[in-house]
Amino acid sequence: MAGGWARDEAVNEQIDISTQEAIERMQLRNASRTVGESAEFCAECDEPIPDARRKAIPGVQLCVDCQSGRDKAFRPRAGINRRGSKDSQLR
């Protein structure tokens, strides 16, 4: 139930659009990853990458330690606030 000037299904439409945009961002991010032959040595620290990791993840370029460091440093982006309330603009 939307209030004011919005249609009844406007909130659900915005949720659907936000969800679809998030899916498209993830697909784009996954598509940009190169999938090919796995490296034998880590691209960052030159340590050997174990055979089990190379077989499990096609195209892997980093060892477990370097990939863990990147995963910890990754901060997902916040979603888009489509409501545009005054309070949300002040943050």
PDB file of N, CA and C in Angstrom:
ATOM      1  N   MET A   1       0.827  -1.193   0.000  1.00  0.00           N
ATOM      2  CA  MET A   1       0.000   0.000   0.000  1.00  0.00           C
ATOM      3  C   MET A   1       0.862   1.243   0.000  1.00  0.00           C
ATOM      4  N   ALA A   2       0.894   1.893  -1.091  1.00  0.00           N
ATOM      5  CA  ALA A   2       1.620   3.154  -1.166  1.00  0.00           C
ATOM      6  C   ALA A   2       0.692   4.276  -0.731  1.00  0.00           C
ATOM      7  N   GLY A   3       1.273   5.287  -0.175  1.00  0.00           N
ATOM      8  CA  GLY A   3       0.454   6.413   0.271  1.00  0.00           C
ATOM      9  C   GLY A   3       0.705   7.638  -0.576  1.00  0.00           C
ATOM     10  N   GLY A   4      -0.096   8.637  -0.379  1.00  0.00           N
ATOM     11  CA  GLY A   4       0.108   9.885  -1.095  1.00  0.00           C
ATOM     12  C   GLY A   4      -0.225   9.767  -2.567  1.00  0.00           C
ATOM     13  N   TRP A   5       0.690  10.225  -3.437  1.00  0.00           N
ATOM     14  CA  TRP A   5       0.446  10.273  -4.873  1.00  0.00           C
ATOM     15  C   TRP A   5       0.870   8.990  -5.590  1.00  0.00           C
ATOM     16  N   ALA A   6       1.484   8.072  -4.886  1.00  0.00           N
ATOM     17  CA  ALA A   6       1.995   6.863  -5.538  1.00  0.00           C
ATOM     18  C   ALA A   6       0.876   5.859  -5.802  1.00  0.00           C
ATOM     19  N   ARG A   7       1.082   5.056  -6.856  1.00  0.00           N
ATOM     20  CA  ARG A   7       0.131   3.980  -7.145  1.00  0.00           C
ATOM     21  C   ARG A   7       0.253   2.898  -6.079  1.00  0.00           C
ATOM     22  N   ASP A   8      -0.733   2.021  -6.020  1.00  0.00           N
ATOM     23  CA  ASP A   8      -0.742   0.966  -5.013  1.00  0.00           C
ATOM     24  C   ASP A   8       0.438   0.008  -5.144  1.00  0.00           C
ATOM     25  N   GLU A   9       0.881  -0.286  -6.340  1.00  0.00           N
ATOM     26  CA  GLU A   9       1.967  -1.241  -6.546  1.00  0.00           C
ATOM     27  C   GLU A   9       3.342  -0.584  -6.687  1.00  0.00           C
ATOM     28  N   ALA A  10       3.442   0.718  -6.443  1.00  0.00           N
ATOM     29  CA  ALA A  10       4.694   1.437  -6.659  1.00  0.00           C
ATOM     30  C   ALA A  10       5.822   0.913  -5.778  1.00  0.00           C
ATOM     31  N   VAL A  11       5.533   0.586  -4.536  1.00  0.00           N
ATOM     32  CA  VAL A  11       6.570   0.098  -3.622  1.00  0.00           C
ATOM     33  C   VAL A  11       7.094  -1.246  -4.105  1.00  0.00           C
ATOM     34  N   ASN A  12       6.195  -2.132  -4.497  1.00  0.00           N
ATOM     35  CA  ASN A  12       6.627  -3.437  -4.996  1.00  0.00           C
ATOM     36  C   ASN A  12       7.431  -3.307  -6.280  1.00  0.00           C
ATOM     37  N   GLU A  13       7.044  -2.382  -7.140  1.00  0.00           N
ATOM     38  CA  GLU A  13       7.798  -2.165  -8.374  1.00  0.00           C
ATOM     39  C   GLU A  13       9.211  -1.691  -8.065  1.00  0.00           C
ATOM     40  N   GLN A  14       9.361  -0.801  -7.106  1.00  0.00           N
ATOM     41  CA  GLN A  14      10.685  -0.309  -6.738  1.00  0.00           C
ATOM     42  C   GLN A  14      11.536  -1.416  -6.131  1.00  0.00           C
ATOM     43  N   ILE A  15      10.934  -2.285  -5.340  1.00  0.00           N
ATOM     44  CA  ILE A  15      11.670  -3.417  -4.772  1.00  0.00           C
ATOM     45  C   ILE A  15      12.140  -4.336  -5.892  1.00  0.00           C
ATOM     46  N   ASP A  16      11.259  -4.618  -6.856  1.00  0.00           N
ATOM     47  CA  ASP A  16      11.619  -5.473  -7.988  1.00  0.00           C
ATOM     48  C   ASP A  16      12.754  -4.858  -8.802  1.00  0.00           C
ATOM     49  N   ILE A  17      12.680  -3.561  -9.047  1.00  0.00           N
ATOM     50  CA  ILE A  17      13.722  -2.886  -9.819  1.00  0.00           C
ATOM     51  C   ILE A  17      15.054  -2.925  -9.071  1.00  0.00           C
ATOM     52  N   SER A  18      15.033  -2.656  -7.779  1.00  0.00           N
ATOM     53  CA  SER A  18      16.262  -2.679  -6.980  1.00  0.00           C
ATOM     54  C   SER A  18      16.876  -4.073  -6.972  1.00  0.00           C
ATOM     55  N   THR A  19      16.033  -5.086  -6.841  1.00  0.00           N
ATOM     56  CA  THR A  19      16.512  -6.459  -6.850  1.00  0.00           C
ATOM     57  C   THR A  19      17.128  -6.804  -8.195  1.00  0.00           C
ATOM     58  N   GLN A  20      16.464  -6.432  -9.278  1.00  0.00           N
ATOM     59  CA  GLN A  20      16.979  -6.718 -10.617  1.00  0.00           C
ATOM     60  C   GLN A  20      18.308  -6.007 -10.859  1.00  0.00           C
ATOM     61  N   GLU A  21      18.432  -4.764 -10.407  1.00  0.00           N
ATOM     62  CA  GLU A  21      19.687  -4.035 -10.571  1.00  0.00           C
ATOM     63  C   GLU A  21      20.820  -4.694  -9.783  1.00  0.00           C
ATOM     64  N   ALA A  22      20.526  -5.186  -8.585  1.00  0.00           N
ATOM     65  CA  ALA A  22      21.544  -5.871  -7.784  1.00  0.00           C
ATOM     66  C   ALA A  22      21.994  -7.156  -8.479  1.00  0.00           C
ATOM     67  N   ILE A  23      21.059  -7.883  -9.056  1.00  0.00           N
ATOM     68  CA  ILE A  23      21.396  -9.106  -9.781  1.00  0.00           C
ATOM     69  C   ILE A  23      22.272  -8.780 -10.990  1.00  0.00           C
ATOM     70  N   GLU A  24      21.917  -7.734 -11.722  1.00  0.00           N
ATOM     71  CA  GLU A  24      22.705  -7.339 -12.894  1.00  0.00           C
ATOM     72  C   GLU A  24      24.119  -6.915 -12.504  1.00  0.00           C
ATOM     73  N   ARG A  25      24.268  -6.193 -11.361  1.00  0.00           N
ATOM     74  CA  ARG A  25      25.607  -5.805 -10.898  1.00  0.00           C
ATOM     75  C   ARG A  25      26.446  -7.034 -10.581  1.00  0.00           C
ATOM     76  N   MET A  26      25.849  -8.027  -9.925  1.00  0.00           N
ATOM     77  CA  MET A  26      26.577  -9.245  -9.575  1.00  0.00           C
ATOM     78  C   MET A  26      26.951 -10.034 -10.828  1.00  0.00           C
ATOM     79  N   GLN A  27      26.040 -10.107 -11.798  1.00  0.00           N
ATOM     80  CA  GLN A  27      26.351 -10.813 -13.035  1.00  0.00           C
ATOM     81  C   GLN A  27      27.483 -10.123 -13.783  1.00  0.00           C
ATOM     82  N   LEU A  28      27.470  -8.802 -13.812  1.00  0.00           N
ATOM     83  CA  LEU A  28      28.531  -8.051 -14.468  1.00  0.00           C
ATOM     84  C   LEU A  28      29.863  -8.274 -13.765  1.00  0.00           C
ATOM     85  N   ARG A  29      29.829  -8.261 -12.450  1.00  0.00           N
ATOM     86  CA  ARG A  29      31.053  -8.493 -11.682  1.00  0.00           C
ATOM     87  C   ARG A  29      31.600  -9.892 -11.927  1.00  0.00           C
ATOM     88  N   ASN A  30      30.710 -10.888 -11.977  1.00  0.00           N
ATOM     89  CA  ASN A  30      31.143 -12.257 -12.216  1.00  0.00           C
ATOM     90  C   ASN A  30      31.627 -12.447 -13.648  1.00  0.00           C
ATOM     91  N   ALA A  31      31.027 -11.751 -14.607  1.00  0.00           N
ATOM     92  CA  ALA A  31      31.417 -11.878 -16.005  1.00  0.00           C
ATOM     93  C   ALA A  31      32.796 -11.291 -16.249  1.00  0.00           C
ATOM     94  N   SER A  32      33.182 -10.294 -15.443  1.00  0.00           N
ATOM     95  CA  SER A  32      34.472  -9.650 -15.644  1.00  0.00           C
ATOM     96  C   SER A  32      35.632 -10.507 -15.147  1.00  0.00           C
ATOM     97  N   ARG A  33      35.332 -11.515 -14.379  1.00  0.00           N
ATOM     98  CA  ARG A  33      36.388 -12.412 -13.898  1.00  0.00           C
ATOM     99  C   ARG A  33      36.829 -13.310 -15.041  1.00  0.00           C
ATOM    100  N   THR A  34      38.120 -13.435 -15.164  1.00  0.00           N
ATOM    101  CA  THR A  34      38.628 -14.271 -16.237  1.00  0.00           C
ATOM    102  C   THR A  34      38.550 -15.734 -15.838  1.00  0.00           C
ATOM    103  N   VAL A  35      38.034 -16.542 -16.726  1.00  0.00           N
ATOM    104  CA  VAL A  35      38.001 -17.978 -16.501  1.00  0.00           C
ATOM    105  C   VAL A  35      38.842 -18.596 -17.595  1.00  0.00           C
ATOM    106  N   GLY A  36      39.863 -19.227 -17.199  1.00  0.00           N
ATOM    107  CA  GLY A  36      40.784 -19.853 -18.141  1.00  0.00           C
ATOM    108  C   GLY A  36      41.621 -20.840 -17.367  1.00  0.00           C
ATOM    109  N   GLU A  37      42.850 -20.925 -17.756  1.00  0.00           N
ATOM    110  CA  GLU A  37      43.742 -21.849 -17.083  1.00  0.00           C
ATOM    111  C   GLU A  37      44.204 -21.242 -15.760  1.00  0.00           C
ATOM    112  N   SER A  38      44.215 -22.056 -14.733  1.00  0.00           N
ATOM    113  CA  SER A  38      44.651 -21.596 -13.419  1.00  0.00           C
ATOM    114  C   SER A  38      46.160 -21.392 -13.395  1.00  0.00           C
ATOM    115  N   ALA A  39      46.582 -20.413 -12.638  1.00  0.00           N
ATOM    116  CA  ALA A  39      48.011 -20.152 -12.484  1.00  0.00           C
ATOM    117  C   ALA A  39      48.623 -21.151 -11.514  1.00  0.00           C
ATOM    118  N   GLU A  40      49.878 -21.461 -11.718  1.00  0.00           N
ATOM    119  CA  GLU A  40      50.572 -22.362 -10.800  1.00  0.00           C
ATOM    120  C   GLU A  40      51.107 -21.623  -9.589  1.00  0.00           C
ATOM    121  N   PHE A  41      51.380 -20.331  -9.777  1.00  0.00           N
ATOM    122  CA  PHE A  41      51.904 -19.516  -8.689  1.00  0.00           C
ATOM    123  C   PHE A  41      51.023 -18.289  -8.507  1.00  0.00           C
ATOM    124  N   CYS A  42      50.891 -17.841  -7.271  1.00  0.00           N
ATOM    125  CA  CYS A  42      50.043 -16.701  -6.931  1.00  0.00           C
ATOM    126  C   CYS A  42      50.529 -15.441  -7.640  1.00  0.00           C
ATOM    127  N   ALA A  43      49.593 -14.660  -8.162  1.00  0.00           N
ATOM    128  CA  ALA A  43      49.921 -13.431  -8.888  1.00  0.00           C
ATOM    129  C   ALA A  43      50.433 -12.341  -7.959  1.00  0.00           C
ATOM    130  N   GLU A  44      50.171 -12.448  -6.661  1.00  0.00           N
ATOM    131  CA  GLU A  44      50.607 -11.407  -5.719  1.00  0.00           C
ATOM    132  C   GLU A  44      51.873 -11.774  -4.953  1.00  0.00           C
ATOM    133  N   CYS A  45      51.931 -13.004  -4.453  1.00  0.00           N
ATOM    134  CA  CYS A  45      53.058 -13.358  -3.576  1.00  0.00           C
ATOM    135  C   CYS A  45      53.985 -14.426  -4.162  1.00  0.00           C
ATOM    136  N   ASP A  46      53.676 -14.945  -5.330  1.00  0.00           N
ATOM    137  CA  ASP A  46      54.484 -15.957  -6.024  1.00  0.00           C
ATOM    138  C   ASP A  46      54.601 -17.281  -5.276  1.00  0.00           C
ATOM    139  N   GLU A  47      53.724 -17.524  -4.314  1.00  0.00           N
ATOM    140  CA  GLU A  47      53.689 -18.825  -3.647  1.00  0.00           C
ATOM    141  C   GLU A  47      52.955 -19.814  -4.559  1.00  0.00           C
ATOM    142  N   PRO A  48      53.307 -21.104  -4.496  1.00  0.00           N
ATOM    143  CA  PRO A  48      52.603 -22.085  -5.334  1.00  0.00           C
ATOM    144  C   PRO A  48      51.142 -22.243  -4.898  1.00  0.00           C
ATOM    145  N   ILE A  49      50.262 -22.357  -5.879  1.00  0.00           N
ATOM    146  CA  ILE A  49      48.837 -22.582  -5.604  1.00  0.00           C
ATOM    147  C   ILE A  49      48.616 -24.093  -5.610  1.00  0.00           C
ATOM    148  N   PRO A  50      48.030 -24.651  -4.543  1.00  0.00           N
ATOM    149  CA  PRO A  50      47.833 -26.108  -4.475  1.00  0.00           C
ATOM    150  C   PRO A  50      46.974 -26.623  -5.640  1.00  0.00           C
ATOM    151  N   ASP A  51      47.279 -27.860  -6.068  1.00  0.00           N
ATOM    152  CA  ASP A  51      46.532 -28.476  -7.172  1.00  0.00           C
ATOM    153  C   ASP A  51      45.044 -28.563  -6.879  1.00  0.00           C
ATOM    154  N   ALA A  52      44.684 -28.871  -5.647  1.00  0.00           N
ATOM    155  CA  ALA A  52      43.263 -28.997  -5.295  1.00  0.00           C
ATOM    156  C   ALA A  52      42.525 -27.671  -5.513  1.00  0.00           C
ATOM    157  N   ARG A  53      43.159 -26.560  -5.179  1.00  0.00           N
ATOM    158  CA  ARG A  53      42.530 -25.242  -5.383  1.00  0.00           C
ATOM    159  C   ARG A  53      42.416 -24.926  -6.872  1.00  0.00           C
ATOM    160  N   ARG A  54      43.450 -25.253  -7.630  1.00  0.00           N
ATOM    161  CA  ARG A  54      43.412 -24.986  -9.070  1.00  0.00           C
ATOM    162  C   ARG A  54      42.343 -25.818  -9.775  1.00  0.00           C
ATOM    163  N   LYS A  55      42.114 -27.023  -9.296  1.00  0.00           N
ATOM    164  CA  LYS A  55      41.070 -27.866  -9.890  1.00  0.00           C
ATOM    165  C   LYS A  55      39.680 -27.418  -9.450  1.00  0.00           C
ATOM    166  N   ALA A  56      39.565 -26.962  -8.212  1.00  0.00           N
ATOM    167  CA  ALA A  56      38.251 -26.576  -7.674  1.00  0.00           C
ATOM    168  C   ALA A  56      37.752 -25.254  -8.250  1.00  0.00           C
ATOM    169  N   ILE A  57      38.671 -24.329  -8.527  1.00  0.00           N
ATOM    170  CA  ILE A  57      38.297 -23.002  -9.017  1.00  0.00           C
ATOM    171  C   ILE A  57      39.012 -22.749 -10.338  1.00  0.00           C
ATOM    172  N   PRO A  58      38.324 -22.958 -11.456  1.00  0.00           N
ATOM    173  CA  PRO A  58      38.964 -22.723 -12.749  1.00  0.00           C
ATOM    174  C   PRO A  58      39.378 -21.256 -12.901  1.00  0.00           C
ATOM    175  N   GLY A  59      40.584 -21.045 -13.384  1.00  0.00           N
ATOM    176  CA  GLY A  59      41.062 -19.685 -13.621  1.00  0.00           C
ATOM    177  C   GLY A  59      41.591 -18.974 -12.392  1.00  0.00           C
ATOM    178  N   VAL A  60      41.806 -19.693 -11.306  1.00  0.00           N
ATOM    179  CA  VAL A  60      42.273 -19.064 -10.078  1.00  0.00           C
ATOM    180  C   VAL A  60      43.665 -18.469 -10.292  1.00  0.00           C
ATOM    181  N   GLN A  61      43.887 -17.284  -9.760  1.00  0.00           N
ATOM    182  CA  GLN A  61      45.156 -16.585  -9.919  1.00  0.00           C
ATOM    183  C   GLN A  61      45.834 -16.274  -8.587  1.00  0.00           C
ATOM    184  N   LEU A  62      45.101 -16.436  -7.476  1.00  0.00           N
ATOM    185  CA  LEU A  62      45.631 -16.082  -6.157  1.00  0.00           C
ATOM    186  C   LEU A  62      45.626 -17.284  -5.224  1.00  0.00           C
ATOM    187  N   CYS A  63      46.587 -17.307  -4.298  1.00  0.00           N
ATOM    188  CA  CYS A  63      46.597 -18.342  -3.270  1.00  0.00           C
ATOM    189  C   CYS A  63      45.497 -18.048  -2.245  1.00  0.00           C
ATOM    190  N   VAL A  64      45.277 -18.967  -1.348  1.00  0.00           N
ATOM    191  CA  VAL A  64      44.206 -18.827  -0.362  1.00  0.00           C
ATOM    192  C   VAL A  64      44.432 -17.603   0.530  1.00  0.00           C
ATOM    193  N   ASP A  65      45.674 -17.393   0.979  1.00  0.00           N
ATOM    194  CA  ASP A  65      45.957 -16.265   1.867  1.00  0.00           C
ATOM    195  C   ASP A  65      45.701 -14.923   1.185  1.00  0.00           C
ATOM    196  N   CYS A  66      46.165 -14.768  -0.048  1.00  0.00           N
ATOM    197  CA  CYS A  66      45.965 -13.494  -0.755  1.00  0.00           C
ATOM    198  C   CYS A  66      44.492 -13.263  -1.068  1.00  0.00           C
ATOM    199  N   GLN A  67      43.772 -14.326  -1.459  1.00  0.00           N
ATOM    200  CA  GLN A  67      42.353 -14.181  -1.753  1.00  0.00           C
ATOM    201  C   GLN A  67      41.578 -13.846  -0.481  1.00  0.00           C
ATOM    202  N   SER A  68      41.959 -14.436   0.650  1.00  0.00           N
ATOM    203  CA  SER A  68      41.302 -14.126   1.924  1.00  0.00           C
ATOM    204  C   SER A  68      41.487 -12.655   2.282  1.00  0.00           C
ATOM    205  N   GLY A  69      42.688 -12.130   2.045  1.00  0.00           N
ATOM    206  CA  GLY A  69      42.941 -10.716   2.311  1.00  0.00           C
ATOM    207  C   GLY A  69      42.072  -9.817   1.452  1.00  0.00           C
ATOM    208  N   ARG A  70      41.905 -10.171   0.173  1.00  0.00           N
ATOM    209  CA  ARG A  70      41.039  -9.381  -0.711  1.00  0.00           C
ATOM    210  C   ARG A  70      39.577  -9.471  -0.275  1.00  0.00           C
ATOM    211  N   ASP A  71      39.159 -10.670   0.132  1.00  0.00           N
ATOM    212  CA  ASP A  71      37.768 -10.841   0.563  1.00  0.00           C
ATOM    213  C   ASP A  71      37.462 -10.017   1.803  1.00  0.00           C
ATOM    214  N   LYS A  72      38.424  -9.927   2.715  1.00  0.00           N
ATOM    215  CA  LYS A  72      38.219  -9.138   3.935  1.00  0.00           C
ATOM    216  C   LYS A  72      38.174  -7.644   3.617  1.00  0.00           C
ATOM    217  N   ALA A  73      38.944  -7.219   2.614  1.00  0.00           N
ATOM    218  CA  ALA A  73      38.999  -5.800   2.253  1.00  0.00           C
ATOM    219  C   ALA A  73      37.782  -5.361   1.438  1.00  0.00           C
ATOM    220  N   PHE A  74      37.063  -6.308   0.824  1.00  0.00           N
ATOM    221  CA  PHE A  74      35.908  -5.974  -0.009  1.00  0.00           C
ATOM    222  C   PHE A  74      34.772  -5.452   0.858  1.00  0.00           C
ATOM    223  N   ARG A  75      34.228  -4.313   0.480  1.00  0.00           N
ATOM    224  CA  ARG A  75      33.079  -3.734   1.178  1.00  0.00           C
ATOM    225  C   ARG A  75      31.968  -3.547   0.156  1.00  0.00           C
ATOM    226  N   PRO A  76      30.864  -4.274   0.338  1.00  0.00           N
ATOM    227  CA  PRO A  76      29.778  -4.140  -0.637  1.00  0.00           C
ATOM    228  C   PRO A  76      29.184  -2.740  -0.616  1.00  0.00           C
ATOM    229  N   ARG A  77      28.742  -2.311  -1.796  1.00  0.00           N
ATOM    230  CA  ARG A  77      28.117  -0.997  -1.900  1.00  0.00           C
ATOM    231  C   ARG A  77      26.732  -1.029  -1.267  1.00  0.00           C
ATOM    232  N   ALA A  78      26.354   0.099  -0.741  1.00  0.00           N
ATOM    233  CA  ALA A  78      25.008   0.224  -0.192  1.00  0.00           C
ATOM    234  C   ALA A  78      24.009   0.317  -1.336  1.00  0.00           C
ATOM    235  N   GLY A  79      22.796  -0.115  -1.085  1.00  0.00           N
ATOM    236  CA  GLY A  79      21.756  -0.036  -2.092  1.00  0.00           C
ATOM    237  C   GLY A  79      21.314   1.401  -2.324  1.00  0.00           C
ATOM    238  N   ILE A  80      20.524   1.578  -3.323  1.00  0.00           N
ATOM    239  CA  ILE A  80      20.015   2.903  -3.659  1.00  0.00           C
ATOM    240  C   ILE A  80      18.728   3.146  -2.903  1.00  0.00           C
ATOM    241  N   ASN A  81      18.650   4.273  -2.224  1.00  0.00           N
ATOM    242  CA  ASN A  81      17.426   4.635  -1.527  1.00  0.00           C
ATOM    243  C   ASN A  81      16.516   5.340  -2.517  1.00  0.00           C
ATOM    244  N   ARG A  82      15.504   4.643  -2.977  1.00  0.00           N
ATOM    245  CA  ARG A  82      14.613   5.204  -3.982  1.00  0.00           C
ATOM    246  C   ARG A  82      13.496   6.052  -3.379  1.00  0.00           C
ATOM    247  N   ARG A  83      13.355   6.014  -2.078  1.00  0.00           N
ATOM    248  CA  ARG A  83      12.285   6.797  -1.461  1.00  0.00           C
ATOM    249  C   ARG A  83      12.585   8.278  -1.527  1.00  0.00           C
ATOM    250  N   GLY A  84      13.849   8.626  -1.424  1.00  0.00           N
ATOM    251  CA  GLY A  84      14.234  10.031  -1.529  1.00  0.00           C
ATOM    252  C   GLY A  84      13.690  10.900  -0.409  1.00  0.00           C
ATOM    253  N   SER A  85      13.540  10.332   0.773  1.00  0.00           N
ATOM    254  CA  SER A  85      13.040  11.126   1.881  1.00  0.00           C
ATOM    255  C   SER A  85      14.088  12.163   2.302  1.00  0.00           C
ATOM    256  N   LYS A  86      13.644  13.184   2.964  1.00  0.00           N
ATOM    257  CA  LYS A  86      14.544  14.253   3.374  1.00  0.00           C
ATOM    258  C   LYS A  86      15.629  13.731   4.298  1.00  0.00           C
ATOM    259  N   ASP A  87      15.266  12.846   5.215  1.00  0.00           N
ATOM    260  CA  ASP A  87      16.241  12.288   6.146  1.00  0.00           C
ATOM    261  C   ASP A  87      17.328  11.519   5.417  1.00  0.00           C
ATOM    262  N   SER A  88      16.939  10.761   4.377  1.00  0.00           N
ATOM    263  CA  SER A  88      17.939   9.958   3.663  1.00  0.00           C
ATOM    264  C   SER A  88      18.907  10.848   2.885  1.00  0.00           C
ATOM    265  N   GLN A  89      18.489  12.010   2.471  1.00  0.00           N
ATOM    266  CA  GLN A  89      19.347  12.924   1.722  1.00  0.00           C
ATOM    267  C   GLN A  89      20.353  13.601   2.644  1.00  0.00           C
ATOM    268  N   LEU A  90      20.059  13.696   3.912  1.00  0.00           N
ATOM    269  CA  LEU A  90      20.941  14.380   4.858  1.00  0.00           C
ATOM    270  C   LEU A  90      22.082  13.481   5.331  1.00  0.00           C
ATOM    271  N   ARG A  91      21.978  12.200   5.134  1.00  0.00           N
ATOM    272  CA  ARG A  91      23.009  11.269   5.618  1.00  0.00           C
ATOM    273  C   ARG A  91      24.199  11.253   4.724  1.00  0.00           C
TER     274      ARG A  91
END
